[in-house]
Protein backbone atom coordinates (compact mmCIF):
# COMPACT_ATOMS: atom_id res chain seq x y z
CA UNK A 1 35.89 -22.25 -43.32
CA UNK A 2 35.14 -19.84 -46.15
CA UNK A 3 35.94 -16.14 -45.97
CA UNK A 4 32.24 -15.34 -45.76
CA UNK A 5 31.73 -17.81 -42.91
CA UNK A 6 34.83 -16.49 -41.08
CA UNK A 7 33.55 -12.94 -41.42
CA UNK A 8 30.16 -13.90 -39.93
CA UNK A 9 31.87 -15.73 -37.07
CA UNK A 10 34.11 -12.73 -36.31
CA UNK A 11 31.12 -10.35 -36.28
CA UNK A 12 29.23 -12.71 -33.95
CA UNK A 13 32.19 -12.84 -31.53
CA UNK A 14 32.62 -9.06 -31.58
CA UNK A 15 28.90 -8.46 -30.87
CA UNK A 16 28.71 -11.08 -28.10
CA UNK A 17 29.81 -8.74 -25.24
CA UNK A 18 27.18 -6.19 -26.33
CA UNK A 19 24.45 -8.87 -26.40
CA UNK A 20 25.46 -10.04 -22.92
CA UNK A 21 25.41 -6.45 -21.64
CA UNK A 22 21.96 -5.82 -23.16
CA UNK A 23 20.60 -9.10 -21.80
CA UNK A 24 21.92 -8.30 -18.32
CA UNK A 25 20.43 -4.78 -18.40
CA UNK A 26 17.08 -6.17 -19.58
CA UNK A 27 17.04 -8.75 -16.80
CA UNK A 28 17.82 -6.05 -14.22
CA UNK A 29 14.93 -3.91 -15.48
CA UNK A 30 12.54 -6.88 -15.30
CA UNK A 31 13.65 -7.59 -11.73
CA UNK A 32 13.23 -3.94 -10.71
CA UNK A 33 9.82 -3.68 -12.35
CA UNK A 34 8.63 -6.85 -10.63
CA UNK A 35 10.05 -6.10 -7.21
CA UNK A 36 7.54 -5.88 -4.38
CA UNK A 37 7.06 -2.41 -2.93
CA UNK A 38 8.98 -1.74 0.25
CA UNK A 39 6.83 -1.66 3.36
CA UNK A 40 7.46 0.60 6.34
CA UNK A 41 9.75 -1.45 8.55
CA UNK A 42 7.35 -4.03 9.95
CA UNK A 43 6.63 -5.71 6.62
CA UNK A 44 3.54 -7.89 6.41
CA UNK A 45 1.49 -8.92 3.42
CA UNK A 46 -0.08 -5.58 2.47
CA UNK A 47 0.66 -4.61 -1.11
CA UNK A 48 -0.36 -0.97 -1.25
CA UNK A 49 3.23 0.30 -1.11
CA UNK A 50 4.60 3.43 0.57
CA UNK A 51 3.32 6.91 -0.34
CA UNK A 52 5.28 9.22 -2.61
CA UNK A 53 5.40 11.98 0.03
CA UNK A 54 4.09 12.97 3.46
CA UNK A 55 1.14 15.01 2.21
CA UNK A 56 -2.10 13.03 2.18
CA UNK A 57 -5.26 14.54 0.70
CA UNK A 58 -8.24 12.28 1.38
CA UNK A 59 -11.44 12.34 -0.67
CA UNK A 60 -14.61 10.59 0.55
CA UNK A 61 -17.24 9.38 -1.93
CA UNK A 62 -20.74 9.37 -0.35
CA UNK A 63 -19.63 7.42 2.72
CA UNK A 64 -22.07 6.21 5.33
CA UNK A 65 -21.98 8.17 8.58
CA UNK A 66 -20.08 5.36 10.35
CA UNK A 67 -17.45 5.13 7.58
CA UNK A 68 -17.03 8.90 7.46
CA UNK A 69 -16.59 9.22 11.23
CA UNK A 70 -14.13 6.32 11.32
CA UNK A 71 -12.14 7.85 8.47
CA UNK A 72 -11.83 11.10 10.43
CA UNK A 73 -10.44 9.03 13.32
CA UNK A 74 -7.97 7.34 10.93
CA UNK A 75 -6.93 10.74 9.57
CA UNK A 76 -6.13 11.79 13.13
CA UNK A 77 -3.97 8.68 13.56
CA UNK A 78 -1.98 9.57 10.43
CA UNK A 79 -1.48 13.08 11.79
CA UNK A 80 0.28 11.61 14.84
CA UNK A 81 3.14 10.76 12.47
CA UNK A 82 5.03 12.88 9.93
CA UNK A 83 2.08 12.45 7.56
CA UNK A 84 0.09 15.62 6.91
CA UNK A 85 -3.43 14.27 6.30
CA UNK A 86 -6.48 16.39 5.48
CA UNK A 87 -9.70 16.20 3.50
CA UNK A 88 -9.59 17.64 -0.01
CA UNK A 89 -10.84 16.73 -3.44
CA UNK A 90 -9.62 17.39 -6.94
CA UNK A 91 -6.55 16.52 -8.95
CA UNK A 92 -4.20 16.45 -5.95
CA UNK A 93 -6.12 13.72 -4.09
CA UNK A 94 -3.89 10.99 -2.63
CA UNK A 95 -6.50 8.62 -1.11
CA UNK A 96 -9.89 7.89 -2.70
CA UNK A 97 -12.25 6.39 -0.11
CA UNK A 98 -15.38 4.35 -0.88
CA UNK A 99 -17.79 2.09 0.97
CA UNK A 100 -20.19 -0.43 -0.56
CA UNK A 101 -21.57 -3.90 -0.11
CA UNK A 102 -18.80 -5.75 -1.92
CA UNK A 103 -20.00 -9.14 -0.67
CA UNK A 104 -18.60 -12.01 1.37
CA UNK A 105 -17.39 -14.34 -1.35
CA UNK A 106 -14.51 -14.55 -3.81
CA UNK A 107 -11.77 -11.98 -3.26
CA UNK A 108 -13.90 -10.30 -0.55
CA UNK A 109 -14.33 -13.39 1.62
CA UNK A 110 -13.42 -12.35 5.18
CA UNK A 111 -12.30 -8.89 4.01
CA UNK A 112 -13.82 -5.82 5.72
CA UNK A 113 -11.53 -3.34 4.00
CA UNK A 114 -9.03 -3.17 1.19
CA UNK A 115 -6.40 -0.63 0.16
CA UNK A 116 -4.40 -0.71 -3.04
CA UNK A 117 -2.42 1.63 -5.22
CA UNK A 118 -4.30 2.61 -8.37
CA UNK A 119 -2.82 0.60 -11.25
CA UNK A 120 -1.49 3.61 -13.11
CA UNK A 121 -0.26 5.49 -10.04
CA UNK A 122 2.98 3.67 -9.17
CA UNK A 123 6.03 5.87 -9.32
CA UNK A 124 9.21 4.53 -10.92
CA UNK A 125 10.79 4.07 -7.48
CA UNK A 126 7.93 1.91 -6.15
CA UNK A 127 6.08 4.67 -4.26
CA UNK A 128 2.34 5.18 -4.71
CA UNK A 129 0.78 8.48 -5.77
CA UNK A 130 -2.95 7.63 -5.44
CA UNK A 131 -4.52 4.94 -3.25
CA UNK A 132 -8.00 3.45 -3.42
CA UNK A 133 -9.44 2.50 -0.02
CA UNK A 134 -12.67 0.48 0.14
CA UNK A 135 -14.72 -0.41 3.21
CA UNK A 136 -16.82 -3.55 2.74
CA UNK A 137 -20.22 -2.86 4.31
CA UNK A 138 -21.11 -6.54 3.92
CA UNK A 139 -19.09 -6.93 7.14
CA UNK A 140 -18.54 -3.42 8.50
CA UNK A 141 -22.18 -2.28 8.48
CA UNK A 142 -22.68 -4.20 11.71
CA UNK A 143 -19.53 -2.83 13.40
CA UNK A 144 -19.61 -0.66 16.51
CA UNK A 145 -17.71 2.64 16.66
CA UNK A 146 -14.40 1.21 17.90
CA UNK A 147 -14.37 -1.61 15.34
CA UNK A 148 -14.97 0.97 12.61
CA UNK A 149 -12.12 3.06 14.02
CA UNK A 150 -9.84 0.03 14.04
CA UNK A 151 -10.75 -0.69 10.41
CA UNK A 152 -10.15 2.90 9.24
CA UNK A 153 -6.88 3.16 11.17
CA UNK A 154 -5.75 -0.14 9.63
CA UNK A 155 -6.60 0.76 6.03
CA UNK A 156 -5.19 4.28 6.28
CA UNK A 157 -2.07 2.77 7.82
CA UNK A 158 -1.56 0.90 4.56
CA UNK A 159 -1.64 4.25 2.71
CA UNK A 160 1.27 5.35 4.91
CA UNK A 161 3.27 2.25 3.90
CA UNK A 162 2.52 0.05 6.92
CA UNK A 163 2.17 -3.70 6.51
CA UNK A 164 0.35 -6.11 8.78
CA UNK A 165 1.45 -6.83 12.34
CA UNK A 166 1.23 -10.17 14.09
CA UNK A 167 1.27 -11.15 17.75
CA UNK A 168 5.08 -11.67 17.93
CA UNK A 169 5.73 -8.13 16.65
CA UNK A 170 2.91 -6.54 18.66
CA UNK A 171 3.54 -7.92 22.12
CA UNK A 172 1.42 -5.26 23.85
CA UNK A 173 -1.50 -6.14 21.51
CA UNK A 174 -2.48 -2.55 20.78
CA UNK A 175 -1.78 -1.86 17.08
CA UNK A 176 -4.60 -1.33 14.60
CA UNK A 177 -2.27 -2.89 12.00
CA UNK A 178 -2.93 -6.41 13.26
CA UNK A 179 -4.43 -8.69 10.59
CA UNK A 180 -7.71 -8.97 12.46
CA UNK A 181 -9.85 -5.88 13.07
CA UNK A 182 -10.57 -5.58 16.79
CA UNK A 183 -12.43 -2.88 18.73
CA UNK A 184 -9.70 -2.96 21.40
CA UNK A 185 -7.08 -1.80 18.85
CA UNK A 186 -8.34 1.43 17.22
CA UNK A 187 -4.99 3.28 17.13
CA UNK A 188 -1.41 3.16 15.85
CA UNK A 189 1.05 2.17 18.54
CA UNK A 190 4.50 3.73 18.98
CA UNK A 191 6.06 1.14 16.66
CA UNK A 192 3.62 2.05 13.85
CA UNK A 193 4.37 5.76 14.23
CA UNK A 194 8.12 5.13 14.21
CA UNK A 195 7.80 2.91 11.13
CA UNK A 196 5.93 5.61 9.20
CA UNK A 197 8.38 8.30 10.26
CA UNK A 198 11.36 6.13 9.26
CA UNK A 199 10.04 5.90 5.69
CA UNK A 200 10.72 9.59 5.01
């Protein structure tokens, strides 16, 4: 081995621990960035993530009367927990609420409502600063009052970090966080309230 080759080999060996350290740190950052947001204790497949704090300013955008009334009901459900929900608009808004005929096909097939964190509003720790809530009138326009209330409670529950409930975890069958909107379940149950409170 020539002196030049030995020198290159020695430099490569000396820099190896640093390369391993950098590679490990990079991998950890990728894993953290790609980690799913934590849901308030009962999990489920909702992907809106938990809120960044307990204050919730809701802004409605030209909602139908049914959607507006149901949203007021959902706001009241949030206020049963540590969440402090109220209507307000402007730069401090936490939940932007819309309704429209989004259709019954593609990503809206079977979906009466959808809540997600705005793409640029994730905090570094996985909490959400601003949510977008959409009621799909293609289904909900025909709903009665209690079905609307169940829908609003469900979607606003996602903005408080709640995931979906299923029959095994909702044995008394009274949580609005069940996957299927049902007029007989227009409210949070005690488990939902405890799950929200435990987040903060």
